[in-house]
């Protein structure tokens, strides 16, 4: 149940991320609350994944490791934005690419027990 719940939460996180990318791509600024909501939902989803791993699903260790890197990249982007600077494109691409890989792996694990 934790795994399916985390997949649902990360689906929402992914949609929020795509929305933010769409805003930036269209030249609109992203409000201050939306990235924080994105981060909070991602942390909640990560907590669900850790809970599933603690229940014995050792396959999720890969996801947890990737999530640590994704979160650190997200924090770096947030700090840069808070300083009034833009996040480097490489950091954005790494954050998004790892997030997609982590999401797909989580989906595979959640749907193939």
Protein backbone atom coordinates (compact mmCIF):
# COMPACT_ATOMS: atom_id res chain seq x y z
CA UNK A 1 0.00 0.00 0.00
CA UNK A 2 2.87 2.38 0.79
CA UNK A 3 4.40 1.79 -2.62
CA UNK A 4 1.23 2.55 -4.57
CA UNK A 5 0.61 5.59 -2.38
CA UNK A 6 4.12 6.87 -3.05
CA UNK A 7 3.60 6.37 -6.78
CA UNK A 8 0.43 8.47 -6.57
CA UNK A 9 2.23 11.22 -4.63
CA UNK A 10 5.15 11.23 -7.07
CA UNK A 11 2.71 11.46 -9.97
CA UNK A 12 1.47 14.71 -8.42
CA UNK A 13 5.08 15.84 -7.85
CA UNK A 14 5.88 15.15 -11.50
CA UNK A 15 2.86 17.13 -12.67
CA UNK A 16 3.92 20.04 -10.46
CA UNK A 17 7.43 19.87 -11.87
CA UNK A 18 6.14 19.86 -15.44
CA UNK A 19 3.94 22.83 -14.62
CA UNK A 20 6.92 24.78 -13.30
CA UNK A 21 8.99 23.91 -16.37
CA UNK A 22 6.10 25.04 -18.57
CA UNK A 23 5.90 28.37 -16.75
CA UNK A 24 9.63 29.00 -17.09
CA UNK A 25 9.58 27.91 -20.74
CA UNK A 26 6.74 30.38 -21.44
CA UNK A 27 8.66 33.17 -19.72
CA UNK A 28 6.42 33.33 -16.67
CA UNK A 29 7.89 33.36 -13.19
CA UNK A 30 7.13 30.55 -10.80
CA UNK A 31 5.59 31.72 -7.54
CA UNK A 32 7.37 31.16 -4.25
CA UNK A 33 4.76 28.75 -2.86
CA UNK A 34 4.61 26.29 -5.75
CA UNK A 35 8.24 25.06 -5.55
CA UNK A 36 7.84 24.64 -1.78
CA UNK A 37 4.69 22.58 -2.31
CA UNK A 38 6.56 20.52 -4.92
CA UNK A 39 9.38 19.91 -2.42
CA UNK A 40 7.02 19.07 0.44
CA UNK A 41 5.13 16.55 -1.69
CA UNK A 42 8.43 15.01 -2.83
CA UNK A 43 9.57 14.65 0.79
CA UNK A 44 6.25 13.05 1.71
CA UNK A 45 6.56 10.61 -1.19
CA UNK A 46 10.14 9.85 -0.17
CA UNK A 47 8.93 9.11 3.36
CA UNK A 48 6.44 6.62 1.96
CA UNK A 49 9.18 4.93 -0.08
CA UNK A 50 11.45 4.73 2.98
CA UNK A 51 8.54 3.21 4.91
CA UNK A 52 8.08 0.56 2.22
CA UNK A 53 11.82 -0.16 2.28
CA UNK A 54 11.74 -0.52 6.06
CA UNK A 55 8.94 -3.05 5.64
CA UNK A 56 11.41 -5.21 3.71
CA UNK A 57 11.30 -4.13 0.06
CA UNK A 58 15.04 -3.85 -0.54
CA UNK A 59 14.54 -3.05 -4.24
CA UNK A 60 13.74 0.51 -3.18
CA UNK A 61 17.28 1.26 -2.00
CA UNK A 62 18.11 2.41 -5.54
CA UNK A 63 15.20 4.85 -5.44
CA UNK A 64 16.24 6.17 -2.05
CA UNK A 65 19.78 6.79 -3.27
CA UNK A 66 18.56 8.58 -6.38
CA UNK A 67 16.09 10.59 -4.29
CA UNK A 68 18.92 11.92 -2.11
CA UNK A 69 20.70 13.26 -5.19
CA UNK A 70 17.45 14.64 -6.68
CA UNK A 71 16.63 16.42 -3.41
CA UNK A 72 20.13 17.91 -3.13
CA UNK A 73 19.90 19.21 -6.70
CA UNK A 74 16.46 20.66 -5.94
CA UNK A 75 17.76 22.38 -2.81
CA UNK A 76 20.66 23.83 -4.82
CA UNK A 77 18.23 25.18 -7.41
CA UNK A 78 16.07 26.67 -4.67
CA UNK A 79 19.03 28.38 -3.03
CA UNK A 80 20.19 29.83 -6.34
CA UNK A 81 16.70 31.12 -7.08
CA UNK A 82 16.41 32.60 -3.59
CA UNK A 83 19.69 34.46 -4.23
CA UNK A 84 18.16 35.96 -7.36
CA UNK A 85 20.21 33.80 -9.73
CA UNK A 86 19.12 31.22 -12.24
CA UNK A 87 19.94 27.58 -11.71
CA UNK A 88 22.43 26.21 -14.25
CA UNK A 89 20.76 24.28 -17.07
CA UNK A 90 22.90 21.23 -16.36
CA UNK A 91 21.59 21.09 -12.79
CA UNK A 92 18.01 21.43 -14.01
CA UNK A 93 18.51 18.67 -16.60
CA UNK A 94 20.18 16.39 -14.03
CA UNK A 95 17.37 17.01 -11.52
CA UNK A 96 14.65 16.31 -14.08
CA UNK A 97 16.43 13.35 -15.69
CA UNK A 98 17.10 11.61 -12.40
CA UNK A 99 13.55 12.33 -11.27
CA UNK A 100 12.13 10.69 -14.40
CA UNK A 101 14.38 7.65 -13.98
CA UNK A 102 13.48 7.37 -10.29
CA UNK A 103 9.76 7.70 -11.08
CA UNK A 104 9.89 5.02 -13.78
CA UNK A 105 11.80 2.65 -11.50
CA UNK A 106 9.32 3.28 -8.69
CA UNK A 107 6.45 2.60 -11.07
CA UNK A 108 8.07 -0.64 -12.18
CA UNK A 109 8.54 -1.76 -8.58
CA UNK A 110 5.04 -0.69 -7.53
CA UNK A 111 3.30 -2.45 -10.39
CA UNK A 112 5.48 -5.60 -10.46
CA UNK A 113 5.64 -7.12 -7.00
